[in-house]
Amino acid sequence: MEPRLTKAFQKIKYSADSDLPENIWQFIVRREKHLTLIKLWSFVAMGIFSFIGLIPVFVMLLSDLKRSGFYEYFSLTFSSSGSLIAYWKDFILLLGESLPVVSLIATLTLIFIFFLSLKYTMRQIIKGQLSLTF
């Protein structure tokens, strides 16, 4: 049975389409461009949402700073320097305790996400321009 199969396969020669490598390459290029656009728009959307979310979180941080008395404690650094030098350890602890930590973390997280998405958006734009030159 095997000799007949080998004879049959030898008689039938597979000839690939002459445009097949070019078609495969075009498909790969289109897929890379499509993935680059998807990544670009997802990073743009993430940056816009984080920037929009930054506005109410920043307002919340400012109101929490006013309620906690951080401004009043911080203004002591510019008013009475003699007592500040004597009690600097207590003063730093007082400033640390009066900081609204949750609002500060939320604000810094959104700023970090915004700049990270901006960085990746720029990378995708550069990568998109480079892949267009193939």
Protein backbone atom coordinates (compact mmCIF):
# COMPACT_ATOMS: atom_id res chain seq x y z
CA MET A 1 0.00 0.00 0.00
CA GLU A 2 2.81 2.44 0.80
CA PRO A 3 4.52 2.23 -2.60
CA ARG A 4 1.25 3.10 -4.32
CA LEU A 5 0.78 6.12 -2.03
CA THR A 6 4.28 7.39 -2.65
CA LYS A 7 3.75 6.99 -6.41
CA ALA A 8 0.47 8.90 -6.18
CA PHE A 9 2.03 11.73 -4.20
CA GLN A 10 4.98 11.91 -6.58
CA LYS A 11 2.67 12.24 -9.56
CA ILE A 12 0.67 15.04 -7.91
CA LYS A 13 2.94 17.97 -7.36
CA TYR A 14 1.68 20.79 -5.20
CA SER A 15 2.24 24.15 -6.74
CA ALA A 16 1.66 27.07 -4.45
CA ASP A 17 -0.01 30.20 -5.67
CA SER A 18 2.62 32.69 -6.79
CA ASP A 19 0.92 35.51 -4.82
CA LEU A 20 0.70 33.52 -1.61
CA PRO A 21 3.79 35.02 0.14
CA GLU A 22 2.70 38.54 -0.78
CA ASN A 23 -0.84 37.88 0.44
CA ILE A 24 0.46 36.52 3.74
CA TRP A 25 2.73 39.53 4.17
CA GLN A 26 -0.11 41.96 3.44
CA PHE A 27 -2.30 40.16 5.96
CA ILE A 28 0.41 40.43 8.62
CA VAL A 29 0.90 44.15 7.92
CA ARG A 30 -2.87 44.82 8.06
CA ARG A 31 -3.15 42.89 11.31
CA GLU A 32 -0.27 44.85 12.88
CA LYS A 33 -1.85 48.15 11.81
CA HIS A 34 -5.20 47.06 13.21
CA LEU A 35 -3.65 46.03 16.55
CA THR A 36 -1.72 49.30 16.69
CA LEU A 37 -4.92 51.29 16.17
CA ILE A 38 -6.75 49.28 18.83
CA LYS A 39 -3.95 49.86 21.32
CA LEU A 40 -3.74 53.54 20.40
CA TRP A 41 -7.44 54.20 20.92
CA SER A 42 -7.56 52.18 24.14
CA PHE A 43 -4.68 54.21 25.58
CA VAL A 44 -6.27 57.46 24.40
CA ALA A 45 -9.56 56.48 26.05
CA MET A 46 -7.78 55.53 29.27
CA GLY A 47 -5.96 58.87 29.27
CA ILE A 48 -9.14 60.85 28.67
CA PHE A 49 -11.06 59.00 31.37
CA SER A 50 -8.26 59.43 33.89
CA PHE A 51 -7.99 63.13 33.06
CA ILE A 52 -11.73 63.62 33.41
CA GLY A 53 -11.70 61.64 36.65
CA LEU A 54 -8.84 63.76 37.91
CA ILE A 55 -11.03 66.88 38.11
CA PRO A 56 -13.49 65.68 40.82
CA VAL A 57 -10.75 63.84 42.69
CA PHE A 58 -8.62 66.98 42.76
CA VAL A 59 -11.59 69.02 44.04
CA MET A 60 -12.10 66.35 46.72
CA LEU A 61 -8.41 66.59 47.68
CA LEU A 62 -8.61 70.38 48.03
CA SER A 63 -11.73 70.19 50.18
CA ASP A 64 -10.17 67.47 52.36
CA LEU A 65 -7.04 69.59 52.78
CA LYS A 66 -9.18 72.55 53.92
CA ARG A 67 -11.19 70.40 56.33
CA SER A 68 -8.15 68.76 57.87
CA GLY A 69 -6.45 72.05 58.68
CA PHE A 70 -3.35 71.22 56.68
CA TYR A 71 -3.13 74.78 55.31
CA GLU A 72 -3.14 76.30 58.81
CA TYR A 73 -0.47 73.91 60.04
CA PHE A 74 1.64 74.42 56.93
CA SER A 75 1.41 78.21 57.26
CA LEU A 76 3.24 77.90 60.58
CA THR A 77 6.42 77.14 58.66
CA PHE A 78 6.48 80.72 57.37
CA SER A 79 5.31 82.52 60.50
CA SER A 80 7.19 81.34 63.59
CA SER A 81 10.60 79.97 62.75
CA GLY A 82 11.95 79.84 66.30
CA SER A 83 9.37 77.42 67.63
CA LEU A 84 9.48 75.42 64.43
CA ILE A 85 13.20 74.74 64.88
CA ALA A 86 12.66 73.61 68.46
CA TYR A 87 9.74 71.29 67.71
CA TRP A 88 10.42 70.20 64.13
CA LYS A 89 9.81 66.49 64.79
CA ASP A 90 6.39 67.14 66.28
CA PHE A 91 5.59 69.58 63.52
CA ILE A 92 6.38 67.04 60.81
CA LEU A 93 4.22 64.44 62.56
CA LEU A 94 1.41 67.01 62.81
CA LEU A 95 1.64 67.72 59.08
CA GLY A 96 1.69 64.00 58.31
CA GLU A 97 -1.38 63.33 60.44
CA SER A 98 -3.34 66.16 58.88
CA LEU A 99 -2.80 64.96 55.29
CA PRO A 100 -5.89 63.36 53.68
CA VAL A 101 -4.20 60.14 52.60
CA VAL A 102 -7.06 58.56 50.63
CA SER A 103 -7.67 61.67 48.53
CA LEU A 104 -3.94 62.10 47.97
CA ILE A 105 -3.52 58.47 46.86
CA ALA A 106 -6.51 58.72 44.51
CA THR A 107 -5.17 61.91 42.96
CA LEU A 108 -1.65 60.56 42.52
CA THR A 109 -2.97 57.29 41.08
CA LEU A 110 -5.01 59.10 38.44
CA ILE A 111 -2.06 61.35 37.58
CA PHE A 112 0.13 58.25 37.23
CA ILE A 113 -2.44 56.53 34.99
CA PHE A 114 -2.77 59.66 32.86
CA PHE A 115 0.98 60.00 32.28
CA LEU A 116 1.38 56.26 31.72
CA SER A 117 -1.36 56.25 29.09
CA LEU A 118 0.20 59.35 27.51
CA LYS A 119 3.53 57.54 27.31
CA TYR A 120 2.01 54.44 25.72
CA THR A 121 -0.07 56.57 23.35
CA MET A 122 3.09 58.25 22.11
CA ARG A 123 4.74 54.86 21.68
CA GLN A 124 1.80 53.58 19.64
CA ILE A 125 1.85 56.69 17.46
CA ILE A 126 5.57 56.25 16.79
CA LYS A 127 5.13 52.53 16.22
CA GLY A 128 2.21 53.20 13.86
CA GLN A 129 4.29 55.61 11.80
CA LEU A 130 7.15 53.13 11.60
CA SER A 131 4.88 50.25 10.53
CA LEU A 132 3.40 52.38 7.73
CA THR A 133 6.82 52.62 6.04
CA PHE A 134 7.20 48.85 5.41
